[in-house]
Amino acid sequence: MNIGFIGYGEAAYNITLGFSQNGISGIRANDAMMDHPVMGAQVKSRAQEAGVQLVADAREVARWADVLFAAVPSSFTLDVCRTIKDELRPGQIYADVSASTPATKIAIWDLIKDSGVLFADAAMLGSLPQDKHRVPITVSGNGAEAFKNAMEPLGMRITLAGEKAGAASAIKLVRSIFMKGLSTLMVETMQAADAYGVSEEIIASLSKSLDGISFREHLDRMVIGSALHAKRRAAEMKGSIAMLEEENLSSEMTEATKHRLEALDEYHFAEKYVGGKPKSYAEIIEAIRPE
């Protein structure tokens, strides 16, 4: 099985290095920066380290590969597809591992679907430097199952997410809203705690509220609570913002929370559920769904 990469940046390097460390060789790649006077040296040294053969033309890699990875920055993935689409063939697997939006992955599929190629919208959901080719990947598209069958025997960890292009990317980017948002909220929280000398007390208090409870339970409790008590909580956030401003600290995350609570308050959930709480968070999400 011939494995090719278009784009040889962080993702391709770490995946192929993992392959190499597990005895998988013969991989070819092309990168637009391979002959760059500055960045080219890094591309070439990484390819040498991973035992990857660099090829001058992306279309040549596309013609040769049985499994073709598009591993370029999201802003270039459509252009790459346009460049190589005439080289794709029936039964070939084309896996786009870029962090593109679902709409972009759908646009790629629209460009190549008449070629008979098997398209895999592949979203990487872990640390590439740590996991390398074993990084957890969620994949969707008409080629998702074929990609899983081809690459799992080589040690890749792949979860299927249906045959719709864009579904895997949606999972990645929606997950990022929470994970990256949570991490920056932690920064804002602990910076404030540090300013007031109460870091250990804050950690202990939050641990008591959060530890040992399933995520779904947190989801129900927090989403429903925010909806029912939006007005009071938005007012409380004003106090938190004022506190942060007194110490010349960033309040961006707290301000966003206030705005979101104010938007929830416009639905008057407290009045709607005066006789009893919603059964789950999903009732709230359905109620605020755009028409």
C-alpha atoms as a PDB file:
ATOM      1  CA  MET A   1       0.000   0.000   0.000  1.00  0.00           C
ATOM      2  CA  ASN A   2       1.445   3.341  -1.081  1.00  0.00           C
ATOM      3  CA  ILE A   3       1.010   6.159   1.470  1.00  0.00           C
ATOM      4  CA  GLY A   4       1.491   9.737   0.360  1.00  0.00           C
ATOM      5  CA  PHE A   5       1.273  13.135   2.034  1.00  0.00           C
ATOM      6  CA  ILE A   6       0.622  16.522   0.515  1.00  0.00           C
ATOM      7  CA  GLY A   7       1.924  18.940   3.086  1.00  0.00           C
ATOM      8  CA  TYR A   8       4.755  17.961   5.372  1.00  0.00           C
ATOM      9  CA  GLY A   9       4.264  20.122   8.446  1.00  0.00           C
ATOM     10  CA  GLU A  10       3.675  19.151  12.080  1.00  0.00           C
ATOM     11  CA  ALA A  11       0.882  16.652  11.396  1.00  0.00           C
ATOM     12  CA  ALA A  12       2.575  14.786   8.573  1.00  0.00           C
ATOM     13  CA  TYR A  13       5.941  14.771  10.325  1.00  0.00           C
ATOM     14  CA  ASN A  14       4.602  13.323  13.563  1.00  0.00           C
ATOM     15  CA  ILE A  15       2.420  10.726  11.837  1.00  0.00           C
ATOM     16  CA  THR A  16       5.219   9.533   9.557  1.00  0.00           C
ATOM     17  CA  LEU A  17       7.747   9.566  12.405  1.00  0.00           C
ATOM     18  CA  GLY A  18       5.434   7.259  14.310  1.00  0.00           C
ATOM     19  CA  PHE A  19       5.127   5.015  11.275  1.00  0.00           C
ATOM     20  CA  SER A  20       8.898   4.936  10.883  1.00  0.00           C
ATOM     21  CA  GLN A  21       9.443   4.023  14.526  1.00  0.00           C
ATOM     22  CA  ASN A  22       7.119   1.073  13.946  1.00  0.00           C
ATOM     23  CA  GLY A  23       8.871  -0.177  10.827  1.00  0.00           C
ATOM     24  CA  ILE A  24       6.588   1.354   8.208  1.00  0.00           C
ATOM     25  CA  SER A  25       8.552   2.791   5.303  1.00  0.00           C
ATOM     26  CA  GLY A  26       8.230   3.823   1.656  1.00  0.00           C
ATOM     27  CA  ILE A  27       6.145   6.948   2.319  1.00  0.00           C
ATOM     28  CA  ARG A  28       6.334   9.857  -0.116  1.00  0.00           C
ATOM     29  CA  ALA A  29       5.454  13.508   0.454  1.00  0.00           C
ATOM     30  CA  ASN A  30       5.366  16.908  -1.137  1.00  0.00           C
ATOM     31  CA  ASP A  31       5.460  20.232   0.662  1.00  0.00           C
ATOM     32  CA  ALA A  32       5.174  23.694  -0.876  1.00  0.00           C
ATOM     33  CA  MET A  33       7.963  24.909   1.448  1.00  0.00           C
ATOM     34  CA  MET A  34      10.449  22.144   0.744  1.00  0.00           C
ATOM     35  CA  ASP A  35      12.656  24.421  -1.372  1.00  0.00           C
ATOM     36  CA  HIS A  36      12.121  27.557   0.703  1.00  0.00           C
ATOM     37  CA  PRO A  37      15.486  29.174   1.608  1.00  0.00           C
ATOM     38  CA  VAL A  38      14.641  29.149   5.325  1.00  0.00           C
ATOM     39  CA  MET A  39      11.866  26.633   6.057  1.00  0.00           C
ATOM     40  CA  GLY A  40      13.017  24.114   3.455  1.00  0.00           C
ATOM     41  CA  ALA A  41      15.852  22.878   5.659  1.00  0.00           C
ATOM     42  CA  GLN A  42      13.408  21.867   8.402  1.00  0.00           C
ATOM     43  CA  VAL A  43      11.112  20.066   5.956  1.00  0.00           C
ATOM     44  CA  LYS A  44      14.031  18.110   4.530  1.00  0.00           C
ATOM     45  CA  SER A  45      15.608  17.218   7.880  1.00  0.00           C
ATOM     46  CA  ARG A  46      12.263  16.007   9.234  1.00  0.00           C
ATOM     47  CA  ALA A  47      11.623  13.924   6.126  1.00  0.00           C
ATOM     48  CA  GLN A  48      15.069  12.364   6.455  1.00  0.00           C
ATOM     49  CA  GLU A  49      14.473  11.600  10.132  1.00  0.00           C
ATOM     50  CA  ALA A  50      11.170   9.856   9.338  1.00  0.00           C
ATOM     51  CA  GLY A  51      12.499   8.077   6.257  1.00  0.00           C
ATOM     52  CA  VAL A  52      10.105   9.917   3.939  1.00  0.00           C
ATOM     53  CA  GLN A  53      10.933  10.532   0.276  1.00  0.00           C
ATOM     54  CA  LEU A  54      10.184  14.112  -0.780  1.00  0.00           C
ATOM     55  CA  VAL A  55       8.685  14.510  -4.250  1.00  0.00           C
ATOM     56  CA  ALA A  56       8.815  17.729  -6.267  1.00  0.00           C
ATOM     57  CA  ASP A  57       5.207  17.697  -7.531  1.00  0.00           C
ATOM     58  CA  ALA A  58       2.059  17.206  -5.438  1.00  0.00           C
ATOM     59  CA  ARG A  59       0.302  15.692  -8.458  1.00  0.00           C
ATOM     60  CA  GLU A  60       2.956  13.017  -8.681  1.00  0.00           C
ATOM     61  CA  VAL A  61       2.276  12.019  -5.063  1.00  0.00           C
ATOM     62  CA  ALA A  62      -1.467  11.975  -5.797  1.00  0.00           C
ATOM     63  CA  ARG A  63      -1.005   9.659  -8.801  1.00  0.00           C
ATOM     64  CA  TRP A  64       1.234   7.284  -6.843  1.00  0.00           C
ATOM     65  CA  ALA A  65      -0.560   6.981  -3.516  1.00  0.00           C
ATOM     66  CA  ASP A  66      -3.233   4.446  -2.591  1.00  0.00           C
ATOM     67  CA  VAL A  67      -3.898   6.408   0.609  1.00  0.00           C
ATOM     68  CA  LEU A  68      -3.353  10.132   0.130  1.00  0.00           C
ATOM     69  CA  PHE A  69      -3.230  12.461   3.142  1.00  0.00           C
ATOM     70  CA  ALA A  70      -3.924  16.162   2.623  1.00  0.00           C
ATOM     71  CA  ALA A  71      -2.107  17.649   5.613  1.00  0.00           C
ATOM     72  CA  VAL A  72      -1.865  21.338   4.788  1.00  0.00           C
ATOM     73  CA  PRO A  73      -3.078  24.392   6.753  1.00  0.00           C
ATOM     74  CA  SER A  74      -6.833  24.818   6.528  1.00  0.00           C
ATOM     75  CA  SER A  75      -6.524  27.962   4.405  1.00  0.00           C
ATOM     76  CA  PHE A  76      -4.819  25.946   1.631  1.00  0.00           C
ATOM     77  CA  THR A  77      -6.735  22.684   1.639  1.00  0.00           C
ATOM     78  CA  LEU A  78      -9.221  23.665  -1.092  1.00  0.00           C
ATOM     79  CA  ASP A  79      -6.434  24.934  -3.357  1.00  0.00           C
ATOM     80  CA  VAL A  80      -4.525  21.689  -2.865  1.00  0.00           C
ATOM     81  CA  CYS A  81      -7.630  19.721  -3.767  1.00  0.00           C
ATOM     82  CA  ARG A  82      -8.089  21.740  -6.965  1.00  0.00           C
ATOM     83  CA  THR A  83      -4.439  21.110  -7.861  1.00  0.00           C
ATOM     84  CA  ILE A  84      -4.582  17.314  -7.568  1.00  0.00           C
ATOM     85  CA  LYS A  85      -8.234  16.447  -8.209  1.00  0.00           C
ATOM     86  CA  ASP A  86      -7.616  15.334 -11.795  1.00  0.00           C
ATOM     87  CA  GLU A  87      -5.087  12.770 -10.543  1.00  0.00           C
ATOM     88  CA  LEU A  88      -7.547  11.031  -8.201  1.00  0.00           C
ATOM     89  CA  ARG A  89      -8.971   7.667  -9.179  1.00  0.00           C
ATOM     90  CA  PRO A  90     -11.772   5.272  -8.171  1.00  0.00           C
ATOM     91  CA  GLY A  91     -11.039   3.335  -4.986  1.00  0.00           C
ATOM     92  CA  GLN A  92      -8.206   5.603  -3.885  1.00  0.00           C
ATOM     93  CA  ILE A  93      -8.490   6.974  -0.330  1.00  0.00           C
ATOM     94  CA  TYR A  94      -8.176  10.739   0.041  1.00  0.00           C
ATOM     95  CA  ALA A  95      -7.941  11.742   3.708  1.00  0.00           C
ATOM     96  CA  ASP A  96      -8.062  15.433   4.557  1.00  0.00           C
ATOM     97  CA  VAL A  97      -6.633  15.853   8.062  1.00  0.00           C
ATOM     98  CA  SER A  98      -6.649  19.646   8.043  1.00  0.00           C
ATOM     99  CA  ALA A  99      -8.503  21.642  10.699  1.00  0.00           C
ATOM    100  CA  SER A 100     -10.903  23.021   8.094  1.00  0.00           C
ATOM    101  CA  THR A 101     -14.544  23.830   8.751  1.00  0.00           C
ATOM    102  CA  PRO A 102     -17.316  21.353   7.895  1.00  0.00           C
ATOM    103  CA  ALA A 103     -18.332  23.595   4.978  1.00  0.00           C
ATOM    104  CA  THR A 104     -14.824  23.358   3.529  1.00  0.00           C
ATOM    105  CA  LYS A 105     -14.781  19.568   3.827  1.00  0.00           C
ATOM    106  CA  ILE A 106     -18.139  19.423   2.039  1.00  0.00           C
ATOM    107  CA  ALA A 107     -16.768  21.715  -0.688  1.00  0.00           C
ATOM    108  CA  ILE A 108     -13.782  19.369  -1.122  1.00  0.00           C
ATOM    109  CA  TRP A 109     -16.117  16.391  -1.457  1.00  0.00           C
ATOM    110  CA  ASP A 110     -18.162  18.255  -4.063  1.00  0.00           C
ATOM    111  CA  LEU A 111     -14.980  18.845  -6.074  1.00  0.00           C
ATOM    112  CA  ILE A 112     -13.862  15.209  -6.106  1.00  0.00           C
ATOM    113  CA  LYS A 113     -16.956  13.034  -5.773  1.00  0.00           C
ATOM    114  CA  ASP A 114     -17.250  12.366  -9.511  1.00  0.00           C
ATOM    115  CA  SER A 115     -13.737  10.858  -9.552  1.00  0.00           C
ATOM    116  CA  GLY A 116     -14.845   7.758  -7.639  1.00  0.00           C
ATOM    117  CA  VAL A 117     -12.324   8.516  -4.890  1.00  0.00           C
ATOM    118  CA  LEU A 118     -13.076   7.506  -1.293  1.00  0.00           C
ATOM    119  CA  PHE A 119     -13.044  10.674   0.806  1.00  0.00           C
ATOM    120  CA  ALA A 120     -12.215  10.689   4.509  1.00  0.00           C
ATOM    121  CA  ASP A 121     -12.863  13.830   6.532  1.00  0.00           C
ATOM    122  CA  ALA A 122     -10.354  13.081   9.281  1.00  0.00           C
ATOM    123  CA  ALA A 123     -10.219  15.105  12.494  1.00  0.00           C
ATOM    124  CA  MET A 124      -7.310  14.605  14.887  1.00  0.00           C
ATOM    125  CA  LEU A 125      -8.402  14.917  18.516  1.00  0.00           C
ATOM    126  CA  GLY A 126      -5.230  14.549  20.516  1.00  0.00           C
ATOM    127  CA  SER A 127      -1.570  15.482  20.820  1.00  0.00           C
ATOM    128  CA  LEU A 128       0.448  14.671  17.707  1.00  0.00           C
ATOM    129  CA  PRO A 129       3.889  15.118  19.322  1.00  0.00           C
ATOM    130  CA  GLN A 130       2.833  12.727  22.092  1.00  0.00           C
ATOM    131  CA  ASP A 131       0.796  10.153  20.165  1.00  0.00           C
ATOM    132  CA  LYS A 132       2.242  10.501  16.649  1.00  0.00           C
ATOM    133  CA  HIS A 133       0.448   8.110  14.251  1.00  0.00           C
ATOM    134  CA  ARG A 134      -1.613   6.783  17.158  1.00  0.00           C
ATOM    135  CA  VAL A 135      -3.301  10.147  17.723  1.00  0.00           C
ATOM    136  CA  PRO A 136      -7.066   9.570  18.065  1.00  0.00           C
ATOM    137  CA  ILE A 137      -8.780  10.372  14.755  1.00  0.00           C
ATOM    138  CA  THR A 138     -12.505  10.701  14.141  1.00  0.00           C
ATOM    139  CA  VAL A 139     -13.390  10.186  10.489  1.00  0.00           C
ATOM    140  CA  SER A 140     -16.476  10.620   8.324  1.00  0.00           C
ATOM    141  CA  GLY A 141     -17.226  10.534   4.599  1.00  0.00           C
ATOM    142  CA  ASN A 142     -17.867   7.846   2.025  1.00  0.00           C
ATOM    143  CA  GLY A 143     -14.289   6.627   2.535  1.00  0.00           C
ATOM    144  CA  ALA A 144     -14.335   6.590   6.332  1.00  0.00           C
ATOM    145  CA  GLU A 145     -14.639   2.839   6.721  1.00  0.00           C
ATOM    146  CA  ALA A 146     -12.075   2.158   4.000  1.00  0.00           C
ATOM    147  CA  PHE A 147      -9.645   4.535   5.708  1.00  0.00           C
ATOM    148  CA  LYS A 148     -10.176   2.783   9.036  1.00  0.00           C
ATOM    149  CA  ASN A 149      -9.673  -0.655   7.477  1.00  0.00           C
ATOM    150  CA  ALA A 150      -6.497   0.453   5.698  1.00  0.00           C
ATOM    151  CA  MET A 151      -4.816   2.361   8.508  1.00  0.00           C
ATOM    152  CA  GLU A 152      -5.778   0.625  11.756  1.00  0.00           C
ATOM    153  CA  PRO A 153      -3.521  -2.364  10.985  1.00  0.00           C
ATOM    154  CA  LEU A 154      -0.668   0.187  10.902  1.00  0.00           C
ATOM    155  CA  GLY A 155      -1.461   1.300  14.445  1.00  0.00           C
ATOM    156  CA  MET A 156      -3.701   4.288  13.839  1.00  0.00           C
ATOM    157  CA  ARG A 157      -6.645   4.773  16.234  1.00  0.00           C
ATOM    158  CA  ILE A 158      -9.741   5.642  14.249  1.00  0.00           C
ATOM    159  CA  THR A 159     -13.373   6.210  15.230  1.00  0.00           C
ATOM    160  CA  LEU A 160     -16.118   6.341  12.604  1.00  0.00           C
ATOM    161  CA  ALA A 161     -18.596   9.228  12.515  1.00  0.00           C
ATOM    162  CA  GLY A 162     -20.817   8.337   9.569  1.00  0.00           C
ATOM    163  CA  GLU A 163     -20.661   8.878   5.823  1.00  0.00           C
ATOM    164  CA  LYS A 164     -21.285  12.637   5.763  1.00  0.00           C
ATOM    165  CA  ALA A 165     -18.301  14.797   4.848  1.00  0.00           C
ATOM    166  CA  GLY A 166     -17.908  17.524   7.460  1.00  0.00           C
ATOM    167  CA  ALA A 167     -19.222  15.528  10.408  1.00  0.00           C
ATOM    168  CA  ALA A 168     -15.784  14.674  11.782  1.00  0.00           C
ATOM    169  CA  SER A 169     -14.584  18.260  11.427  1.00  0.00           C
ATOM    170  CA  ALA A 170     -17.710  19.475  13.211  1.00  0.00           C
ATOM    171  CA  ILE A 171     -16.879  17.171  16.131  1.00  0.00           C
ATOM    172  CA  LYS A 172     -13.341  18.544  16.309  1.00  0.00           C
ATOM    173  CA  LEU A 173     -14.269  22.221  16.111  1.00  0.00           C
ATOM    174  CA  VAL A 174     -17.269  22.010  18.451  1.00  0.00           C
ATOM    175  CA  ARG A 175     -15.098  20.136  20.938  1.00  0.00           C
ATOM    176  CA  SER A 176     -12.532  22.928  20.627  1.00  0.00           C
ATOM    177  CA  ILE A 177     -15.116  25.512  21.666  1.00  0.00           C
ATOM    178  CA  PHE A 178     -15.330  23.733  25.005  1.00  0.00           C
ATOM    179  CA  MET A 179     -11.747  22.594  25.530  1.00  0.00           C
ATOM    180  CA  LYS A 180     -10.034  25.800  24.440  1.00  0.00           C
ATOM    181  CA  GLY A 181     -12.718  27.901  26.095  1.00  0.00           C
ATOM    182  CA  LEU A 182     -12.337  25.965  29.338  1.00  0.00           C
ATOM    183  CA  SER A 183      -8.565  26.340  29.314  1.00  0.00           C
ATOM    184  CA  THR A 184      -8.719  30.110  28.789  1.00  0.00           C
ATOM    185  CA  LEU A 185     -11.414  30.374  31.451  1.00  0.00           C
ATOM    186  CA  MET A 186      -9.023  28.579  33.796  1.00  0.00           C
ATOM    187  CA  VAL A 187      -6.348  31.165  33.020  1.00  0.00           C
ATOM    188  CA  GLU A 188      -8.721  34.048  33.791  1.00  0.00           C
ATOM    189  CA  THR A 189     -10.002  32.354  36.945  1.00  0.00           C
ATOM    190  CA  MET A 190      -6.618  31.511  38.399  1.00  0.00           C
ATOM    191  CA  GLN A 191      -5.136  34.885  37.517  1.00  0.00           C
ATOM    192  CA  ALA A 192      -7.897  36.478  39.579  1.00  0.00           C
ATOM    193  CA  ALA A 193      -7.381  33.956  42.382  1.00  0.00           C
ATOM    194  CA  ASP A 194      -3.668  34.704  42.374  1.00  0.00           C
ATOM    195  CA  ALA A 195      -4.297  38.454  42.546  1.00  0.00           C
ATOM    196  CA  TYR A 196      -6.359  38.017  45.698  1.00  0.00           C
ATOM    197  CA  GLY A 197      -4.173  35.300  47.245  1.00  0.00           C
ATOM    198  CA  VAL A 198      -6.924  32.672  47.293  1.00  0.00           C
ATOM    199  CA  SER A 199      -5.677  30.143  44.701  1.00  0.00           C
ATOM    200  CA  GLU A 200      -5.729  27.064  46.935  1.00  0.00           C
ATOM    201  CA  GLU A 201      -9.142  27.956  48.321  1.00  0.00           C
ATOM    202  CA  ILE A 202     -10.556  28.375  44.788  1.00  0.00           C
ATOM    203  CA  ILE A 203      -9.100  25.039  43.668  1.00  0.00           C
ATOM    204  CA  ALA A 204     -10.540  23.281  46.699  1.00  0.00           C
ATOM    205  CA  SER A 205     -13.958  24.873  46.205  1.00  0.00           C
ATOM    206  CA  LEU A 206     -14.127  24.079  42.481  1.00  0.00           C
ATOM    207  CA  SER A 207     -12.906  20.543  43.081  1.00  0.00           C
ATOM    208  CA  LYS A 208     -15.725  20.008  45.545  1.00  0.00           C
ATOM    209  CA  SER A 209     -18.241  21.171  42.928  1.00  0.00           C
ATOM    210  CA  LEU A 210     -16.813  19.295  39.949  1.00  0.00           C
ATOM    211  CA  ASP A 211     -14.910  16.175  40.998  1.00  0.00           C
ATOM    212  CA  GLY A 212     -16.519  12.748  40.794  1.00  0.00           C
ATOM    213  CA  ILE A 213     -19.495  13.816  38.681  1.00  0.00           C
ATOM    214  CA  SER A 214     -20.096  12.656  35.104  1.00  0.00           C
ATOM    215  CA  PHE A 215     -19.885  15.169  32.274  1.00  0.00           C
ATOM    216  CA  ARG A 216     -23.511  14.589  31.307  1.00  0.00           C
ATOM    217  CA  GLU A 217     -24.607  15.391  34.873  1.00  0.00           C
ATOM    218  CA  HIS A 218     -22.575  18.596  34.743  1.00  0.00           C
ATOM    219  CA  LEU A 219     -24.158  19.403  31.382  1.00  0.00           C
ATOM    220  CA  ASP A 220     -27.696  19.058  32.716  1.00  0.00           C
ATOM    221  CA  ARG A 221     -26.968  20.924  35.930  1.00  0.00           C
ATOM    222  CA  MET A 222     -25.043  23.810  34.392  1.00  0.00           C
ATOM    223  CA  VAL A 223     -27.053  24.420  31.218  1.00  0.00           C
ATOM    224  CA  ILE A 224     -30.388  24.171  33.014  1.00  0.00           C
ATOM    225  CA  GLY A 225     -29.118  26.281  35.896  1.00  0.00           C
ATOM    226  CA  SER A 226     -27.847  28.987  33.547  1.00  0.00           C
ATOM    227  CA  ALA A 227     -31.184  29.091  31.734  1.00  0.00           C
ATOM    228  CA  LEU A 228     -33.357  29.240  34.853  1.00  0.00           C
ATOM    229  CA  HIS A 229     -31.169  31.696  36.748  1.00  0.00           C
ATOM    230  CA  ALA A 230     -29.792  33.735  33.844  1.00  0.00           C
ATOM    231  CA  LYS A 231     -30.855  37.148  35.154  1.00  0.00           C
ATOM    232  CA  ARG A 232     -29.351  36.726  38.611  1.00  0.00           C
ATOM    233  CA  ARG A 233     -26.164  35.157  37.298  1.00  0.00           C
ATOM    234  CA  ALA A 234     -25.666  37.894  34.693  1.00  0.00           C
ATOM    235  CA  ALA A 235     -25.906  40.473  37.497  1.00  0.00           C
ATOM    236  CA  GLU A 236     -23.349  38.500  39.510  1.00  0.00           C
ATOM    237  CA  MET A 237     -20.975  38.559  36.535  1.00  0.00           C
ATOM    238  CA  LYS A 238     -21.084  42.357  36.605  1.00  0.00           C
ATOM    239  CA  GLY A 239     -19.605  42.191  40.082  1.00  0.00           C
ATOM    240  CA  SER A 240     -16.923  39.763  38.899  1.00  0.00           C
ATOM    241  CA  ILE A 241     -16.037  42.066  36.001  1.00  0.00           C
ATOM    242  CA  ALA A 242     -15.760  45.041  38.337  1.00  0.00           C
ATOM    243  CA  MET A 243     -13.494  43.016  40.623  1.00  0.00           C
ATOM    244  CA  LEU A 244     -11.190  42.088  37.742  1.00  0.00           C
ATOM    245  CA  GLU A 245     -11.052  45.683  36.539  1.00  0.00           C
ATOM    246  CA  GLU A 246     -10.023  46.822  40.014  1.00  0.00           C
ATOM    247  CA  GLU A 247      -6.915  44.641  39.674  1.00  0.00           C
ATOM    248  CA  ASN A 248      -6.325  45.570  35.999  1.00  0.00           C
ATOM    249  CA  LEU A 249      -6.958  41.959  34.976  1.00  0.00           C
ATOM    250  CA  SER A 250      -8.502  40.654  31.771  1.00  0.00           C
ATOM    251  CA  SER A 251     -12.264  40.040  31.993  1.00  0.00           C
ATOM    252  CA  GLU A 252     -12.868  38.820  28.436  1.00  0.00           C
ATOM    253  CA  MET A 253     -14.167  35.382  29.382  1.00  0.00           C
ATOM    254  CA  THR A 254     -16.289  36.766  32.209  1.00  0.00           C
ATOM    255  CA  GLU A 255     -17.770  39.432  29.943  1.00  0.00           C
ATOM    256  CA  ALA A 256     -18.646  36.771  27.380  1.00  0.00           C
ATOM    257  CA  THR A 257     -20.376  34.787  30.121  1.00  0.00           C
ATOM    258  CA  LYS A 258     -22.406  37.849  31.109  1.00  0.00           C
ATOM    259  CA  HIS A 259     -23.476  38.442  27.509  1.00  0.00           C
ATOM    260  CA  ARG A 260     -24.482  34.796  27.082  1.00  0.00           C
ATOM    261  CA  LEU A 261     -26.515  34.829  30.283  1.00  0.00           C
ATOM    262  CA  GLU A 262     -28.234  38.033  29.227  1.00  0.00           C
ATOM    263  CA  ALA A 263     -29.163  36.394  25.917  1.00  0.00           C
ATOM    264  CA  LEU A 264     -30.597  33.379  27.795  1.00  0.00           C
ATOM    265  CA  ASP A 265     -32.604  35.687  30.033  1.00  0.00           C
ATOM    266  CA  GLU A 266     -34.542  36.920  27.001  1.00  0.00           C
ATOM    267  CA  TYR A 267     -36.178  33.484  26.729  1.00  0.00           C
ATOM    268  CA  HIS A 268     -37.746  33.803  30.229  1.00  0.00           C
ATOM    269  CA  PHE A 269     -36.984  30.190  31.124  1.00  0.00           C
ATOM    270  CA  ALA A 270     -37.643  30.822  34.827  1.00  0.00           C
ATOM    271  CA  GLU A 271     -41.272  31.652  34.031  1.00  0.00           C
ATOM    272  CA  LYS A 272     -41.699  28.807  31.554  1.00  0.00           C
ATOM    273  CA  TYR A 273     -40.432  26.229  34.036  1.00  0.00           C
ATOM    274  CA  VAL A 274     -41.952  27.650  37.207  1.00  0.00           C
ATOM    275  CA  GLY A 275     -43.791  24.341  37.728  1.00  0.00           C
ATOM    276  CA  GLY A 276     -40.731  22.125  37.345  1.00  0.00           C
ATOM    277  CA  LYS A 277     -37.261  21.926  35.815  1.00  0.00           C
ATOM    278  CA  PRO A 278     -36.470  20.702  32.283  1.00  0.00           C
ATOM    279  CA  LYS A 279     -35.706  16.990  32.041  1.00  0.00           C
ATOM    280  CA  SER A 280     -32.333  17.594  30.394  1.00  0.00           C
ATOM    281  CA  TYR A 281     -30.050  20.239  28.932  1.00  0.00           C
ATOM    282  CA  ALA A 282     -31.391  19.314  25.464  1.00  0.00           C
ATOM    283  CA  GLU A 283     -34.699  21.084  26.165  1.00  0.00           C
ATOM    284  CA  ILE A 284     -32.827  24.358  26.588  1.00  0.00           C
ATOM    285  CA  ILE A 285     -30.686  23.877  23.494  1.00  0.00           C
ATOM    286  CA  GLU A 286     -33.761  23.033  21.434  1.00  0.00           C
ATOM    287  CA  ALA A 287     -35.548  26.148  22.709  1.00  0.00           C
ATOM    288  CA  ILE A 288     -32.717  28.470  21.605  1.00  0.00           C
ATOM    289  CA  ARG A 289     -32.152  26.732  18.262  1.00  0.00           C
ATOM    290  CA  PRO A 290     -32.134  29.284  15.397  1.00  0.00           C
ATOM    291  CA  GLU A 291     -35.207  29.097  13.196  1.00  0.00           C
END
